[in-house]
Amino acid sequence: MQKLASRYERKYFDGKNEDNYNRFTMNIFINSLLPPNENKNRKISHFDILPLLIESIGGSFNEKGLALGRSLNIPEENNTLVEQYGVKFVNEQLKRKSILYNRLWGIIE
């Protein structure tokens, strides 16, 4: 399978072994109301961004997180689902069939 790359990526990787290069996502919140936090290299999922966004604009909530997301502003004792159970288990659980979900969205099987 051929990888698609932008013009700039091709220029950067020209002559380099792209298969051995690890890419990482970096989330930066500019003008956040939260104090600086040195949490680095935590295992998170897209669910964990919601509580962080709410806190960064000055919102609050009673629990450790919102829905499936956990606040990244609280230290390590507030593990994300991925940190607590692992990516494989979380993905398996998210793929499970839900009769209630199907009923709510009118999915007929």
C-alpha atoms as a PDB file:
ATOM      1  CA  MET A   1       0.000   0.000   0.000  1.00  0.00           C
ATOM      2  CA  GLN A   2       1.436   3.343  -1.008  1.00  0.00           C
ATOM      3  CA  LYS A   3       1.591   6.069   1.622  1.00  0.00           C
ATOM      4  CA  LEU A   4       0.246   9.486   0.733  1.00  0.00           C
ATOM      5  CA  ALA A   5       2.439  12.391   1.720  1.00  0.00           C
ATOM      6  CA  SER A   6       2.310  16.105   1.228  1.00  0.00           C
ATOM      7  CA  ARG A   7       4.943  17.885  -0.809  1.00  0.00           C
ATOM      8  CA  TYR A   8       6.674  18.987   2.405  1.00  0.00           C
ATOM      9  CA  GLU A   9       6.675  15.487   3.867  1.00  0.00           C
ATOM     10  CA  ARG A  10       8.254  14.086   0.709  1.00  0.00           C
ATOM     11  CA  LYS A  11      10.915  16.771   0.856  1.00  0.00           C
ATOM     12  CA  TYR A  12      11.627  16.028   4.541  1.00  0.00           C
ATOM     13  CA  PHE A  13      11.744  12.250   4.135  1.00  0.00           C
ATOM     14  CA  ASP A  14      13.698  12.265   0.896  1.00  0.00           C
ATOM     15  CA  GLY A  15      16.510   9.781   1.436  1.00  0.00           C
ATOM     16  CA  LYS A  16      15.319   8.784   4.932  1.00  0.00           C
ATOM     17  CA  ASN A  17      13.760   5.507   5.924  1.00  0.00           C
ATOM     18  CA  GLU A  18      10.167   6.551   6.635  1.00  0.00           C
ATOM     19  CA  ASP A  19       9.290   3.155   8.136  1.00  0.00           C
ATOM     20  CA  ASN A  20      11.598   3.734  11.123  1.00  0.00           C
ATOM     21  CA  TYR A  21      10.275   7.217  11.881  1.00  0.00           C
ATOM     22  CA  ASN A  22       7.763   7.469  14.733  1.00  0.00           C
ATOM     23  CA  ARG A  23       5.263  10.298  14.595  1.00  0.00           C
ATOM     24  CA  PHE A  24       3.604  11.723  17.679  1.00  0.00           C
ATOM     25  CA  THR A  25       0.663  14.012  18.252  1.00  0.00           C
ATOM     26  CA  MET A  26       1.184  17.101  20.360  1.00  0.00           C
ATOM     27  CA  ASN A  27      -1.812  18.990  21.775  1.00  0.00           C
ATOM     28  CA  ILE A  28      -1.213  22.619  22.696  1.00  0.00           C
ATOM     29  CA  PHE A  29      -3.875  24.801  24.282  1.00  0.00           C
ATOM     30  CA  ILE A  30      -3.044  28.466  23.826  1.00  0.00           C
ATOM     31  CA  ASN A  31      -4.497  31.002  26.297  1.00  0.00           C
ATOM     32  CA  SER A  32      -5.891  28.233  28.481  1.00  0.00           C
ATOM     33  CA  LEU A  33      -7.210  29.160  31.917  1.00  0.00           C
ATOM     34  CA  LEU A  34      -5.467  26.097  33.361  1.00  0.00           C
ATOM     35  CA  PRO A  35      -2.095  26.436  35.062  1.00  0.00           C
ATOM     36  CA  PRO A  36       0.831  24.917  33.133  1.00  0.00           C
ATOM     37  CA  ASN A  37       0.942  21.165  33.521  1.00  0.00           C
ATOM     38  CA  GLU A  38       3.985  18.998  32.937  1.00  0.00           C
ATOM     39  CA  ASN A  39       2.031  15.820  32.138  1.00  0.00           C
ATOM     40  CA  LYS A  40       3.996  14.306  29.290  1.00  0.00           C
ATOM     41  CA  ASN A  41       3.795  11.051  27.425  1.00  0.00           C
ATOM     42  CA  ARG A  42       0.496   9.958  28.945  1.00  0.00           C
ATOM     43  CA  LYS A  43      -1.555   7.422  27.035  1.00  0.00           C
ATOM     44  CA  ILE A  44      -4.764   9.180  26.062  1.00  0.00           C
ATOM     45  CA  SER A  45      -7.555   8.841  23.538  1.00  0.00           C
ATOM     46  CA  HIS A  46      -9.729  11.392  21.805  1.00  0.00           C
ATOM     47  CA  PHE A  47     -12.253  11.002  24.659  1.00  0.00           C
ATOM     48  CA  ASP A  48      -9.814  12.689  27.064  1.00  0.00           C
ATOM     49  CA  ILE A  49      -9.753  15.928  25.073  1.00  0.00           C
ATOM     50  CA  LEU A  50     -13.351  16.909  26.054  1.00  0.00           C
ATOM     51  CA  PRO A  51     -12.699  17.332  29.803  1.00  0.00           C
ATOM     52  CA  LEU A  52      -9.464  19.160  29.038  1.00  0.00           C
ATOM     53  CA  LEU A  53     -11.216  21.574  26.667  1.00  0.00           C
ATOM     54  CA  ILE A  54     -13.972  22.289  29.196  1.00  0.00           C
ATOM     55  CA  GLU A  55     -11.413  22.969  31.938  1.00  0.00           C
ATOM     56  CA  SER A  56      -9.270  25.131  29.658  1.00  0.00           C
ATOM     57  CA  ILE A  57     -12.158  27.564  29.072  1.00  0.00           C
ATOM     58  CA  GLY A  58     -12.946  27.772  32.784  1.00  0.00           C
ATOM     59  CA  GLY A  59     -15.637  25.106  33.014  1.00  0.00           C
ATOM     60  CA  SER A  60     -15.843  22.515  35.749  1.00  0.00           C
ATOM     61  CA  PHE A  61     -17.510  19.194  36.449  1.00  0.00           C
ATOM     62  CA  ASN A  62     -18.054  17.080  39.553  1.00  0.00           C
ATOM     63  CA  GLU A  63     -16.505  13.830  38.464  1.00  0.00           C
ATOM     64  CA  LYS A  64     -12.971  12.892  37.437  1.00  0.00           C
ATOM     65  CA  GLY A  65     -13.961  13.360  33.817  1.00  0.00           C
ATOM     66  CA  LEU A  66     -16.784  13.719  31.314  1.00  0.00           C
ATOM     67  CA  ALA A  67     -18.387  10.757  29.578  1.00  0.00           C
ATOM     68  CA  LEU A  68     -15.516   8.374  28.719  1.00  0.00           C
ATOM     69  CA  GLY A  69     -12.830  11.069  28.962  1.00  0.00           C
ATOM     70  CA  ARG A  70     -10.717  11.731  32.044  1.00  0.00           C
ATOM     71  CA  SER A  71      -9.266  15.059  33.091  1.00  0.00           C
ATOM     72  CA  LEU A  72      -5.601  15.282  32.143  1.00  0.00           C
ATOM     73  CA  ASN A  73      -5.164  18.190  34.522  1.00  0.00           C
ATOM     74  CA  ILE A  74      -5.459  15.879  37.529  1.00  0.00           C
ATOM     75  CA  PRO A  75      -2.268  13.930  38.299  1.00  0.00           C
ATOM     76  CA  GLU A  76      -1.657  10.300  37.488  1.00  0.00           C
ATOM     77  CA  GLU A  77      -4.137   8.908  40.046  1.00  0.00           C
ATOM     78  CA  ASN A  78      -6.868   9.793  37.542  1.00  0.00           C
ATOM     79  CA  ASN A  79      -5.954   7.235  34.894  1.00  0.00           C
ATOM     80  CA  THR A  80      -7.436   7.505  31.438  1.00  0.00           C
ATOM     81  CA  LEU A  81      -9.266   4.458  30.117  1.00  0.00           C
ATOM     82  CA  VAL A  82      -6.302   3.663  27.878  1.00  0.00           C
ATOM     83  CA  GLU A  83      -3.869   3.900  30.806  1.00  0.00           C
ATOM     84  CA  GLN A  84      -6.116   1.801  33.016  1.00  0.00           C
ATOM     85  CA  TYR A  85      -7.202  -0.926  30.576  1.00  0.00           C
ATOM     86  CA  GLY A  86      -4.990  -0.623  27.500  1.00  0.00           C
ATOM     87  CA  VAL A  87      -5.805   0.309  23.915  1.00  0.00           C
ATOM     88  CA  LYS A  88      -6.746  -3.205  22.831  1.00  0.00           C
ATOM     89  CA  PHE A  89      -9.329  -3.700  25.594  1.00  0.00           C
ATOM     90  CA  VAL A  90     -10.869  -0.236  25.118  1.00  0.00           C
ATOM     91  CA  ASN A  91     -11.201  -0.818  21.361  1.00  0.00           C
ATOM     92  CA  GLU A  92     -12.787  -4.236  21.934  1.00  0.00           C
ATOM     93  CA  GLN A  93     -15.339  -2.737  24.319  1.00  0.00           C
ATOM     94  CA  LEU A  94     -16.189   0.109  21.947  1.00  0.00           C
ATOM     95  CA  LYS A  95     -16.854  -2.377  19.144  1.00  0.00           C
ATOM     96  CA  ARG A  96     -19.370  -4.349  21.209  1.00  0.00           C
ATOM     97  CA  LYS A  97     -22.937  -4.436  19.961  1.00  0.00           C
ATOM     98  CA  SER A  98     -25.369  -2.274  21.911  1.00  0.00           C
ATOM     99  CA  ILE A  99     -29.075  -2.977  21.602  1.00  0.00           C
ATOM    100  CA  LEU A 100     -29.913   0.313  23.357  1.00  0.00           C
ATOM    101  CA  TYR A 101     -27.663   2.314  20.998  1.00  0.00           C
ATOM    102  CA  ASN A 102     -29.214   0.629  17.973  1.00  0.00           C
ATOM    103  CA  ARG A 103     -32.735   1.371  19.243  1.00  0.00           C
ATOM    104  CA  LEU A 104     -31.916   5.021  19.963  1.00  0.00           C
ATOM    105  CA  TRP A 105     -30.579   5.529  16.437  1.00  0.00           C
ATOM    106  CA  GLY A 106     -33.206   3.402  14.715  1.00  0.00           C
ATOM    107  CA  ILE A 107     -30.748   0.803  13.498  1.00  0.00           C
ATOM    108  CA  ILE A 108     -32.618  -2.335  12.488  1.00  0.00           C
ATOM    109  CA  GLU A 109     -30.773  -5.624  12.453  1.00  0.00           C
END
